[in-house]
Amino acid sequence: MYGPGPEWKKVDVQLVQKRDYFAWHNVVLLIFNAMLLASFILGLIIYPFIFSMEGIDDTTLVELPSNAGFVLFTLIIQDGILIWMVWHQVVRRRVIPLSEMGIERATLTDSSKMARHTAWGILAGLALFGVAIAIELGQVAIGFVPPEDAVVIGPEAGNVAAYLTWLVSACVIAPISEEFFFRGYAFYAFNKRYGLFIALFVSALGFSAIHGSIYSLLPIFAAGIGLALAYHWTGSLVPPMVAHAVNNFIAVTLMYLGW
């Protein structure tokens, strides 16, 4: 009998390599490296230049994290690097092709499919915002709220320029980059290697953790579960991206209106 040939060995090696990329430590390592590179660029190059400018005092530095332009600029750097890392390490090496990740040209060019996925995304976004409000009301009821002197991250009421800038950050950049990583890569990889429930939990936990607020941890975790399910049920990144954008649009608009 003849043993397995070179082609079989080649396929076997590819499967092993792909499975290794689905391991949790590789997913964590990728986002860690992306954030490390972003921190290096921002912390050692960009921020020192900004802080050295005339007119920057201690008060300005305290208010800087809530400045719409500053947030947009930082988000472009961070999320741009994250997308590049996923593309370079995962997509380009065909660990997860874009079609498997949920970005198919056939879907993007099919008006009926896009309309259907967009509609599902809008409904999911409204539902997720309702769930988040319910959770936050529960936290208020038990006194689990941010201190009164906490820095509010969002547009000032009535500031149109800040509002429009925040819309770009929260409704365009964040949904595309975060869904690309957390649902297109992290959830997909965990689901393939560890199963649906672990994939839902871990991807949602990571999604909530990067937002950096203990008071928003549970609402964002719930949103992460919902976004992952929207992706899992449709097989497309369009519905979770739209849902993410709708949820953020409502939140940013309410802050702009002073609610």
Protein backbone atom coordinates (compact mmCIF):
# COMPACT_ATOMS: atom_id res chain seq x y z
CA MET A 1 0.00 0.00 0.00
CA TYR A 2 1.11 3.50 -0.72
CA GLY A 3 1.25 6.00 2.13
CA PRO A 4 -0.03 9.56 2.06
CA GLY A 5 1.65 11.64 -0.58
CA PRO A 6 3.12 15.16 -0.49
CA GLU A 7 -0.25 16.78 -1.26
CA TRP A 8 -1.83 15.12 1.80
CA LYS A 9 1.04 16.33 3.98
CA LYS A 10 0.70 19.85 2.61
CA VAL A 11 -3.03 19.96 3.39
CA ASP A 12 -2.40 18.48 6.85
CA VAL A 13 0.19 21.14 7.68
CA GLN A 14 -2.19 23.88 6.52
CA LEU A 15 -4.96 22.53 8.76
CA VAL A 16 -2.62 22.40 11.75
CA GLN A 17 -1.44 25.96 11.12
CA LYS A 18 -4.99 27.22 10.73
CA ARG A 19 -6.10 25.50 13.93
CA ASP A 20 -3.16 27.05 15.75
CA TYR A 21 -4.27 30.51 14.63
CA PHE A 22 -7.67 29.75 16.18
CA ALA A 23 -6.11 29.18 19.63
CA TRP A 24 -7.07 31.80 22.22
CA HIS A 25 -3.48 32.88 22.91
CA ASN A 26 -2.92 33.80 19.26
CA VAL A 27 -6.08 35.92 19.20
CA VAL A 28 -5.02 37.69 22.41
CA LEU A 29 -1.46 38.08 21.12
CA LEU A 30 -2.66 39.73 17.93
CA ILE A 31 -4.72 42.40 19.68
CA PHE A 32 -1.95 42.88 22.27
CA ASN A 33 0.62 43.46 19.52
CA ALA A 34 -1.75 45.84 17.74
CA MET A 35 -2.36 47.87 20.90
CA LEU A 36 1.36 47.81 21.73
CA LEU A 37 2.26 49.17 18.30
CA ALA A 38 -0.49 51.80 18.52
CA SER A 39 0.70 52.83 22.00
CA PHE A 40 4.26 53.13 20.71
CA ILE A 41 3.24 55.34 17.78
CA LEU A 42 0.87 57.48 19.84
CA GLY A 43 2.85 57.60 23.09
CA LEU A 44 6.34 58.15 21.73
CA ILE A 45 5.67 60.11 18.55
CA ILE A 46 2.22 61.71 18.30
CA TYR A 47 1.30 62.65 21.87
CA PRO A 48 4.66 64.26 22.77
CA PHE A 49 4.27 66.49 19.71
CA ILE A 50 0.73 67.49 20.77
CA PHE A 51 1.73 68.09 24.39
CA SER A 52 4.65 70.30 23.32
CA MET A 53 2.35 72.70 21.46
CA GLU A 54 1.75 76.17 22.89
CA GLY A 55 -1.48 76.61 24.82
CA ILE A 56 -1.53 73.04 26.17
CA ASP A 57 -1.85 73.25 29.95
CA ASP A 58 -2.93 70.84 32.71
CA THR A 59 -6.61 71.66 32.23
CA THR A 60 -6.38 70.94 28.51
CA LEU A 61 -4.67 67.61 29.18
CA VAL A 62 -7.45 66.55 31.55
CA GLU A 63 -10.13 67.40 28.98
CA LEU A 64 -8.21 65.93 26.02
CA PRO A 65 -9.61 62.34 26.29
CA SER A 66 -13.13 63.71 25.74
CA ASN A 67 -12.14 65.96 22.83
CA ALA A 68 -13.90 64.73 19.68
CA GLY A 69 -11.01 65.41 17.32
CA PHE A 70 -8.49 63.80 19.66
CA VAL A 71 -10.67 60.69 20.03
CA LEU A 72 -11.17 60.44 16.26
CA PHE A 73 -7.45 60.76 15.58
CA THR A 74 -6.55 58.18 18.24
CA LEU A 75 -9.22 55.80 16.97
CA ILE A 76 -7.96 56.05 13.40
CA ILE A 77 -4.45 55.08 14.53
CA GLN A 78 -5.50 52.28 16.90
CA ASP A 79 -8.18 50.70 14.76
CA GLY A 80 -6.18 51.14 11.57
CA ILE A 81 -3.34 49.14 13.10
CA LEU A 82 -5.77 46.50 14.38
CA ILE A 83 -7.31 46.03 10.92
CA TRP A 84 -3.86 45.89 9.35
CA MET A 85 -2.72 43.23 11.85
CA VAL A 86 -5.75 41.03 11.16
CA TRP A 87 -5.31 41.49 7.42
CA HIS A 88 -1.58 40.76 7.51
CA GLN A 89 -1.64 37.82 9.94
CA VAL A 90 -5.00 36.22 9.16
CA VAL A 91 -6.56 37.24 5.85
CA ARG A 92 -3.44 37.55 3.68
CA ARG A 93 -2.25 34.12 4.84
CA ARG A 94 -5.72 32.74 4.09
CA VAL A 95 -6.17 31.52 7.65
CA ILE A 96 -9.65 33.03 7.36
CA PRO A 97 -10.49 34.30 3.86
CA LEU A 98 -12.67 37.40 3.70
CA SER A 99 -15.53 35.30 2.33
CA GLU A 100 -15.46 33.04 5.42
CA MET A 101 -15.08 36.06 7.66
CA GLY A 102 -18.39 37.38 6.38
CA ILE A 103 -17.30 39.87 3.71
CA GLU A 104 -18.39 38.55 0.34
CA ARG A 105 -18.38 40.54 -2.89
CA ALA A 106 -21.52 38.69 -3.99
CA THR A 107 -23.36 39.94 -0.90
CA LEU A 108 -22.01 43.49 -1.08
CA THR A 109 -23.09 43.81 -4.71
CA ASP A 110 -26.49 42.15 -4.23
CA SER A 111 -28.96 44.93 -3.38
CA SER A 112 -31.61 42.56 -2.01
CA LYS A 113 -29.16 40.80 0.31
CA MET A 114 -27.68 44.10 1.47
CA ALA A 115 -31.15 45.49 2.14
CA ARG A 116 -32.08 42.39 4.13
CA HIS A 117 -28.84 42.38 6.14
CA THR A 118 -29.12 46.12 6.76
CA ALA A 119 -32.71 45.73 7.99
CA TRP A 120 -31.67 42.94 10.36
CA GLY A 121 -28.81 45.12 11.56
CA ILE A 122 -31.11 48.06 12.30
CA LEU A 123 -33.51 45.86 14.25
CA ALA A 124 -30.64 44.26 16.15
CA GLY A 125 -29.15 47.67 16.95
CA LEU A 126 -32.45 48.93 18.38
CA ALA A 127 -32.84 45.76 20.43
CA LEU A 128 -29.28 45.97 21.75
CA PHE A 129 -29.74 49.58 22.79
CA GLY A 130 -32.93 48.62 24.65
CA VAL A 131 -31.10 45.83 26.48
CA ALA A 132 -28.25 48.20 27.38
CA ILE A 133 -30.70 50.76 28.79
CA ALA A 134 -32.41 48.06 30.87
CA ILE A 135 -29.07 46.92 32.30
CA GLU A 136 -27.96 50.48 33.06
CA LEU A 137 -31.27 51.23 34.82
CA GLY A 138 -30.69 48.14 36.93
CA GLN A 139 -27.20 49.38 37.80
CA VAL A 140 -28.62 52.78 38.76
CA ALA A 141 -31.16 51.05 41.00
CA ILE A 142 -28.39 49.35 43.00
CA GLY A 143 -26.16 52.44 43.02
CA PHE A 144 -23.54 51.09 40.62
CA VAL A 145 -22.90 54.36 38.77
CA PRO A 146 -19.81 56.42 37.86
CA PRO A 147 -18.74 59.15 40.32
CA GLU A 148 -20.10 62.63 39.63
CA ASP A 149 -16.64 63.98 38.78
CA ALA A 150 -15.95 61.28 36.18
CA VAL A 151 -14.88 62.54 32.74
CA VAL A 152 -17.76 62.15 30.29
CA ILE A 153 -16.64 60.74 26.95
CA GLY A 154 -18.98 62.05 24.27
CA PRO A 155 -20.18 65.21 22.50
CA GLU A 156 -21.21 68.26 24.49
CA ALA A 157 -24.90 69.07 24.26
CA GLY A 158 -25.54 71.37 21.29
CA ASN A 159 -21.99 71.19 19.88
CA VAL A 160 -22.65 70.31 16.23
CA ALA A 161 -18.99 69.97 15.18
CA ALA A 162 -18.23 67.62 18.07
CA TYR A 163 -21.41 65.66 17.38
CA LEU A 164 -20.53 65.08 13.71
CA THR A 165 -16.97 64.12 14.62
CA TRP A 166 -18.23 61.64 17.21
CA LEU A 167 -20.60 60.16 14.64
CA VAL A 168 -17.65 59.38 12.38
CA SER A 169 -15.76 57.78 15.27
CA ALA A 170 -18.63 55.84 16.81
CA CYS A 171 -20.77 54.99 13.78
CA VAL A 172 -18.20 54.39 11.04
CA ILE A 173 -14.70 53.61 12.31
CA ALA A 174 -15.56 51.68 15.49
CA PRO A 175 -18.23 49.39 13.97
CA ILE A 176 -16.06 48.46 10.99
CA SER A 177 -12.83 47.81 12.88
CA GLU A 178 -14.29 46.23 16.01
CA GLU A 179 -16.65 43.91 14.14
CA PHE A 180 -13.83 42.96 11.77
CA PHE A 181 -11.71 41.84 14.73
CA PHE A 182 -14.12 40.68 17.44
CA ARG A 183 -16.70 38.97 15.25
CA GLY A 184 -14.87 38.33 11.97
CA TYR A 185 -11.71 36.97 13.60
CA ALA A 186 -12.03 36.38 17.37
CA PHE A 187 -15.54 34.92 17.46
CA TYR A 188 -14.98 32.95 14.26
CA ALA A 189 -11.71 31.46 15.57
CA PHE A 190 -13.08 30.60 19.02
CA ASN A 191 -16.22 29.09 17.51
CA LYS A 192 -14.18 26.85 15.22
CA ARG A 193 -11.84 25.71 17.99
CA TYR A 194 -13.83 25.81 21.23
CA GLY A 195 -17.51 25.90 20.25
CA LEU A 196 -20.32 28.46 20.16
CA PHE A 197 -20.84 29.18 23.86
CA ILE A 198 -17.18 29.76 24.66
CA ALA A 199 -16.85 31.87 21.51
CA LEU A 200 -19.82 34.02 22.54
CA PHE A 201 -18.55 34.51 26.09
CA VAL A 202 -14.87 35.16 25.38
CA SER A 203 -15.34 37.42 22.35
CA ALA A 204 -17.97 39.49 24.20
CA LEU A 205 -15.76 39.69 27.30
CA GLY A 206 -12.82 40.96 25.26
CA PHE A 207 -15.08 43.40 23.42
CA SER A 208 -16.34 44.88 26.70
CA ALA A 209 -12.89 44.91 28.33
CA ILE A 210 -11.24 47.08 25.66
CA HIS A 211 -13.76 49.86 26.27
CA GLY A 212 -12.11 50.40 29.64
CA SER A 213 -15.10 51.25 31.84
CA ILE A 214 -16.19 48.97 34.66
CA TYR A 215 -19.58 50.69 34.72
CA SER A 216 -20.20 49.86 31.05
CA LEU A 217 -18.75 46.35 31.25
CA LEU A 218 -22.07 44.50 31.54
CA PRO A 219 -24.06 46.51 28.93
CA ILE A 220 -21.22 46.22 26.40
CA PHE A 221 -20.80 42.52 27.21
CA ALA A 222 -24.50 41.99 26.44
CA ALA A 223 -24.06 43.95 23.20
CA GLY A 224 -21.10 41.75 22.32
CA ILE A 225 -23.25 38.64 22.74
CA GLY A 226 -25.97 40.10 20.53
CA LEU A 227 -23.54 41.22 17.82
CA ALA A 228 -21.88 37.80 17.76
CA LEU A 229 -25.26 36.09 17.41
CA ALA A 230 -26.21 38.42 14.55
CA TYR A 231 -22.98 37.45 12.83
CA HIS A 232 -23.40 33.74 13.60
CA TRP A 233 -27.00 33.56 12.37
CA THR A 234 -26.43 35.49 9.13
CA GLY A 235 -22.85 34.52 8.30
CA SER A 236 -22.17 38.13 7.34
CA LEU A 237 -20.42 41.03 9.06
CA VAL A 238 -22.92 43.50 7.60
CA PRO A 239 -25.70 42.99 10.23
CA PRO A 240 -23.39 43.36 13.28
CA MET A 241 -21.65 46.37 11.72
CA VAL A 242 -25.00 48.05 11.08
CA ALA A 243 -26.31 47.10 14.54
CA HIS A 244 -23.15 48.46 16.16
CA ALA A 245 -23.50 51.72 14.22
CA VAL A 246 -27.21 52.08 15.10
CA ASN A 247 -26.57 51.49 18.80
CA ASN A 248 -23.76 54.05 18.85
CA PHE A 249 -25.76 56.54 16.78
CA ILE A 250 -28.57 56.53 19.33
CA ALA A 251 -26.15 56.88 22.25
CA VAL A 252 -24.17 59.75 20.68
CA THR A 253 -27.33 61.55 19.56
CA LEU A 254 -28.87 61.36 23.03
CA MET A 255 -25.68 62.81 24.53
CA TYR A 256 -25.74 65.61 21.95
CA LEU A 257 -29.35 66.38 22.89
CA GLY A 258 -28.31 66.54 26.54
CA TRP A 259 -30.30 63.50 27.70
